[in-house]
Amino acid sequence: MKKQWTHVYSAYGQLDAAMLVDFLLANGIEATSIQESLGTTYGLTVGPLGEAKIFVPIDQKEMAETLIRQMQEGKLETGDEQSP
């Protein structure tokens, strides 16, 4: 049976997309990104050609969206904070 994937986020450029895919993978969520080939070729990061779409399996969509929302709201610890 083929796995069904669903769109959960649109990043701007391959670098942002790759970082988000790595973040999701590190949290146990399968993820991949797709960007229009012309946008990738020219390194575009704005407009429709610069948009890189992040996809996850349908059964992991809710968890992925929760993690992305927490990341955007700054609710995740990075481990980089230094104690006073």
N, C-alpha and C. Protein backbone atom coordinates (compact mmCIF):
# COMPACT_ATOMS: atom_id res chain seq x y z
N MET A 1 0.84 -1.18 0.00
CA MET A 1 0.00 0.00 0.00
C MET A 1 0.89 1.25 0.00
N LYS A 2 0.60 2.18 -0.90
CA LYS A 2 1.36 3.41 -1.01
C LYS A 2 1.01 4.35 0.14
N LYS A 3 2.04 5.00 0.66
CA LYS A 3 1.84 5.98 1.72
C LYS A 3 1.27 7.26 1.11
N GLN A 4 0.28 7.84 1.78
CA GLN A 4 -0.30 9.10 1.31
C GLN A 4 0.32 10.26 2.09
N TRP A 5 0.71 11.29 1.35
CA TRP A 5 1.36 12.45 1.94
C TRP A 5 0.45 13.66 1.85
N THR A 6 0.64 14.60 2.76
CA THR A 6 -0.16 15.82 2.76
C THR A 6 0.73 17.03 3.03
N HIS A 7 0.34 18.15 2.46
CA HIS A 7 1.07 19.41 2.60
C HIS A 7 0.80 19.99 3.99
N VAL A 8 1.89 20.36 4.72
CA VAL A 8 1.71 20.94 6.05
C VAL A 8 2.30 22.34 6.20
N TYR A 9 3.18 22.74 5.26
CA TYR A 9 3.84 24.03 5.44
C TYR A 9 4.48 24.47 4.12
N SER A 10 4.55 25.77 3.92
CA SER A 10 5.27 26.31 2.76
C SER A 10 6.44 27.15 3.27
N ALA A 11 7.63 26.74 2.90
CA ALA A 11 8.86 27.46 3.28
C ALA A 11 9.30 28.28 2.08
N TYR A 12 10.19 29.22 2.31
CA TYR A 12 10.69 30.03 1.21
C TYR A 12 12.14 29.68 0.95
N GLY A 13 12.33 28.89 -0.09
CA GLY A 13 13.65 28.45 -0.50
C GLY A 13 14.00 27.09 0.07
N GLN A 14 14.95 26.44 -0.59
CA GLN A 14 15.37 25.10 -0.20
C GLN A 14 16.06 25.07 1.15
N LEU A 15 16.79 26.12 1.52
CA LEU A 15 17.48 26.12 2.80
C LEU A 15 16.47 26.06 3.95
N ASP A 16 15.46 26.93 3.92
CA ASP A 16 14.42 26.90 4.95
C ASP A 16 13.70 25.56 4.96
N ALA A 17 13.40 25.04 3.79
CA ALA A 17 12.70 23.76 3.68
C ALA A 17 13.54 22.63 4.24
N ALA A 18 14.83 22.61 3.92
CA ALA A 18 15.72 21.55 4.40
C ALA A 18 15.83 21.59 5.92
N MET A 19 15.91 22.79 6.49
CA MET A 19 15.99 22.90 7.95
C MET A 19 14.71 22.39 8.61
N LEU A 20 13.56 22.71 8.03
CA LEU A 20 12.30 22.25 8.60
C LEU A 20 12.15 20.74 8.45
N VAL A 21 12.53 20.20 7.31
CA VAL A 21 12.47 18.75 7.11
C VAL A 21 13.37 18.06 8.14
N ASP A 22 14.59 18.57 8.34
CA ASP A 22 15.49 17.99 9.34
C ASP A 22 14.90 18.08 10.75
N PHE A 23 14.27 19.20 11.08
CA PHE A 23 13.61 19.38 12.37
C PHE A 23 12.52 18.32 12.57
N LEU A 24 11.70 18.12 11.56
CA LEU A 24 10.63 17.13 11.67
C LEU A 24 11.20 15.72 11.78
N LEU A 25 12.20 15.41 10.98
CA LEU A 25 12.83 14.09 11.04
C LEU A 25 13.43 13.84 12.41
N ALA A 26 14.06 14.85 13.00
CA ALA A 26 14.67 14.72 14.32
C ALA A 26 13.62 14.46 15.39
N ASN A 27 12.38 14.83 15.10
CA ASN A 27 11.29 14.62 16.04
C ASN A 27 10.43 13.42 15.66
N GLY A 28 10.97 12.54 14.82
CA GLY A 28 10.31 11.28 14.50
C GLY A 28 9.21 11.36 13.46
N ILE A 29 9.19 12.44 12.69
CA ILE A 29 8.15 12.61 11.66
C ILE A 29 8.81 12.54 10.29
N GLU A 30 8.33 11.63 9.46
CA GLU A 30 8.82 11.56 8.08
C GLU A 30 8.43 12.85 7.37
N ALA A 31 9.33 13.39 6.58
CA ALA A 31 9.03 14.64 5.88
C ALA A 31 9.87 14.75 4.62
N THR A 32 9.35 15.50 3.66
CA THR A 32 10.08 15.78 2.44
C THR A 32 9.63 17.14 1.93
N SER A 33 10.44 17.72 1.05
CA SER A 33 10.06 19.01 0.48
C SER A 33 10.13 18.95 -1.04
N ILE A 34 9.32 19.78 -1.66
CA ILE A 34 9.28 19.87 -3.12
C ILE A 34 9.25 21.34 -3.49
N GLN A 35 10.12 21.72 -4.43
CA GLN A 35 10.12 23.08 -4.94
C GLN A 35 10.15 23.02 -6.46
N GLU A 36 9.50 23.97 -7.07
CA GLU A 36 9.51 24.09 -8.53
C GLU A 36 10.97 24.08 -9.00
N SER A 37 11.28 23.29 -10.02
CA SER A 37 12.67 23.13 -10.46
C SER A 37 13.33 24.44 -10.88
N LEU A 38 12.58 25.33 -11.50
CA LEU A 38 13.15 26.62 -11.91
C LEU A 38 13.55 27.44 -10.69
N GLY A 39 12.75 27.39 -9.64
CA GLY A 39 13.08 28.09 -8.40
C GLY A 39 14.33 27.53 -7.76
N THR A 40 14.49 26.22 -7.80
CA THR A 40 15.68 25.58 -7.25
C THR A 40 16.91 25.95 -8.08
N THR A 41 16.77 25.91 -9.40
CA THR A 41 17.89 26.22 -10.29
C THR A 41 18.43 27.61 -10.07
N TYR A 42 17.54 28.58 -9.91
CA TYR A 42 17.97 29.96 -9.73
C TYR A 42 18.08 30.39 -8.27
N GLY A 43 17.82 29.48 -7.34
CA GLY A 43 17.95 29.79 -5.93
C GLY A 43 16.93 30.81 -5.44
N LEU A 44 15.74 30.81 -6.04
CA LEU A 44 14.72 31.77 -5.66
C LEU A 44 14.16 31.45 -4.27
N THR A 45 13.85 32.50 -3.50
CA THR A 45 13.28 32.32 -2.17
C THR A 45 12.00 33.12 -1.97
N VAL A 46 11.55 33.81 -3.01
CA VAL A 46 10.30 34.58 -2.92
C VAL A 46 9.41 34.24 -4.09
N GLY A 47 8.13 34.50 -3.91
CA GLY A 47 7.16 34.25 -4.98
C GLY A 47 6.88 32.77 -5.14
N PRO A 48 6.00 32.46 -6.06
CA PRO A 48 5.59 31.07 -6.26
C PRO A 48 6.74 30.13 -6.61
N LEU A 49 7.72 30.60 -7.34
CA LEU A 49 8.84 29.74 -7.71
C LEU A 49 9.81 29.52 -6.55
N GLY A 50 9.78 30.40 -5.57
CA GLY A 50 10.66 30.26 -4.41
C GLY A 50 10.06 29.43 -3.30
N GLU A 51 8.79 29.13 -3.42
CA GLU A 51 8.10 28.38 -2.38
C GLU A 51 8.46 26.90 -2.42
N ALA A 52 8.86 26.37 -1.28
CA ALA A 52 9.14 24.95 -1.15
C ALA A 52 8.10 24.36 -0.21
N LYS A 53 7.37 23.39 -0.67
CA LYS A 53 6.28 22.81 0.11
C LYS A 53 6.78 21.61 0.90
N ILE A 54 6.38 21.56 2.18
CA ILE A 54 6.76 20.47 3.07
C ILE A 54 5.58 19.50 3.15
N PHE A 55 5.89 18.22 2.96
CA PHE A 55 4.88 17.17 3.01
C PHE A 55 5.25 16.14 4.06
N VAL A 56 4.22 15.60 4.74
CA VAL A 56 4.39 14.53 5.72
C VAL A 56 3.31 13.49 5.46
N PRO A 57 3.50 12.26 5.96
CA PRO A 57 2.43 11.26 5.83
C PRO A 57 1.17 11.75 6.54
N ILE A 58 0.02 11.43 5.97
CA ILE A 58 -1.25 11.89 6.52
C ILE A 58 -1.39 11.56 8.00
N ASP A 59 -0.94 10.37 8.40
CA ASP A 59 -1.11 9.97 9.80
C ASP A 59 -0.19 10.73 10.76
N GLN A 60 0.75 11.53 10.24
CA GLN A 60 1.64 12.32 11.09
C GLN A 60 1.36 13.82 10.95
N LYS A 61 0.31 14.17 10.23
CA LYS A 61 0.01 15.58 9.95
C LYS A 61 -0.22 16.39 11.23
N GLU A 62 -1.06 15.88 12.12
CA GLU A 62 -1.40 16.64 13.33
C GLU A 62 -0.16 16.93 14.18
N MET A 63 0.68 15.92 14.37
CA MET A 63 1.89 16.11 15.17
C MET A 63 2.84 17.10 14.49
N ALA A 64 2.98 17.00 13.17
CA ALA A 64 3.85 17.91 12.43
C ALA A 64 3.36 19.35 12.57
N GLU A 65 2.07 19.56 12.41
CA GLU A 65 1.52 20.91 12.53
C GLU A 65 1.70 21.46 13.93
N THR A 66 1.56 20.61 14.94
CA THR A 66 1.77 21.04 16.33
C THR A 66 3.21 21.46 16.55
N LEU A 67 4.16 20.67 16.07
CA LEU A 67 5.58 21.01 16.23
C LEU A 67 5.94 22.30 15.48
N ILE A 68 5.42 22.45 14.28
CA ILE A 68 5.69 23.67 13.50
C ILE A 68 5.12 24.89 14.22
N ARG A 69 3.92 24.77 14.73
CA ARG A 69 3.29 25.89 15.46
C ARG A 69 4.10 26.24 16.71
N GLN A 70 4.53 25.23 17.47
CA GLN A 70 5.34 25.46 18.66
C GLN A 70 6.66 26.14 18.30
N MET A 71 7.26 25.72 17.19
CA MET A 71 8.50 26.32 16.74
C MET A 71 8.28 27.79 16.39
N GLN A 72 7.23 28.08 15.65
CA GLN A 72 6.94 29.46 15.25
C GLN A 72 6.65 30.36 16.45
N GLU A 73 6.06 29.79 17.49
CA GLU A 73 5.73 30.55 18.69
C GLU A 73 6.89 30.64 19.67
N GLY A 74 8.01 30.00 19.34
CA GLY A 74 9.18 30.04 20.21
C GLY A 74 9.04 29.21 21.46
N LYS A 75 8.22 28.18 21.42
CA LYS A 75 7.96 27.37 22.60
C LYS A 75 8.88 26.16 22.73
N LEU A 76 9.80 25.98 21.82
CA LEU A 76 10.70 24.82 21.86
C LEU A 76 12.07 25.27 22.37
N GLU A 77 12.65 24.45 23.22
CA GLU A 77 13.99 24.76 23.71
C GLU A 77 15.01 24.27 22.69
N THR A 78 16.06 25.05 22.50
CA THR A 78 17.09 24.66 21.54
C THR A 78 18.31 24.05 22.22
N GLY A 79 18.44 24.25 23.54
CA GLY A 79 19.61 23.75 24.24
C GLY A 79 20.80 24.69 24.13
N ASP A 80 20.62 25.80 23.39
CA ASP A 80 21.70 26.76 23.21
C ASP A 80 21.70 27.84 24.28
N GLU A 81 20.64 27.89 25.08
CA GLU A 81 20.56 28.93 26.10
C GLU A 81 21.63 28.70 27.15
N GLN A 82 22.25 29.77 27.57
CA GLN A 82 23.29 29.65 28.60
C GLN A 82 22.73 30.13 29.92
N SER A 83 23.11 29.45 30.99
CA SER A 83 22.67 29.86 32.32
C SER A 83 23.38 31.12 32.74
N PRO A 84 22.69 32.00 33.50
CA PRO A 84 23.33 33.24 33.94
C PRO A 84 24.42 32.98 34.97
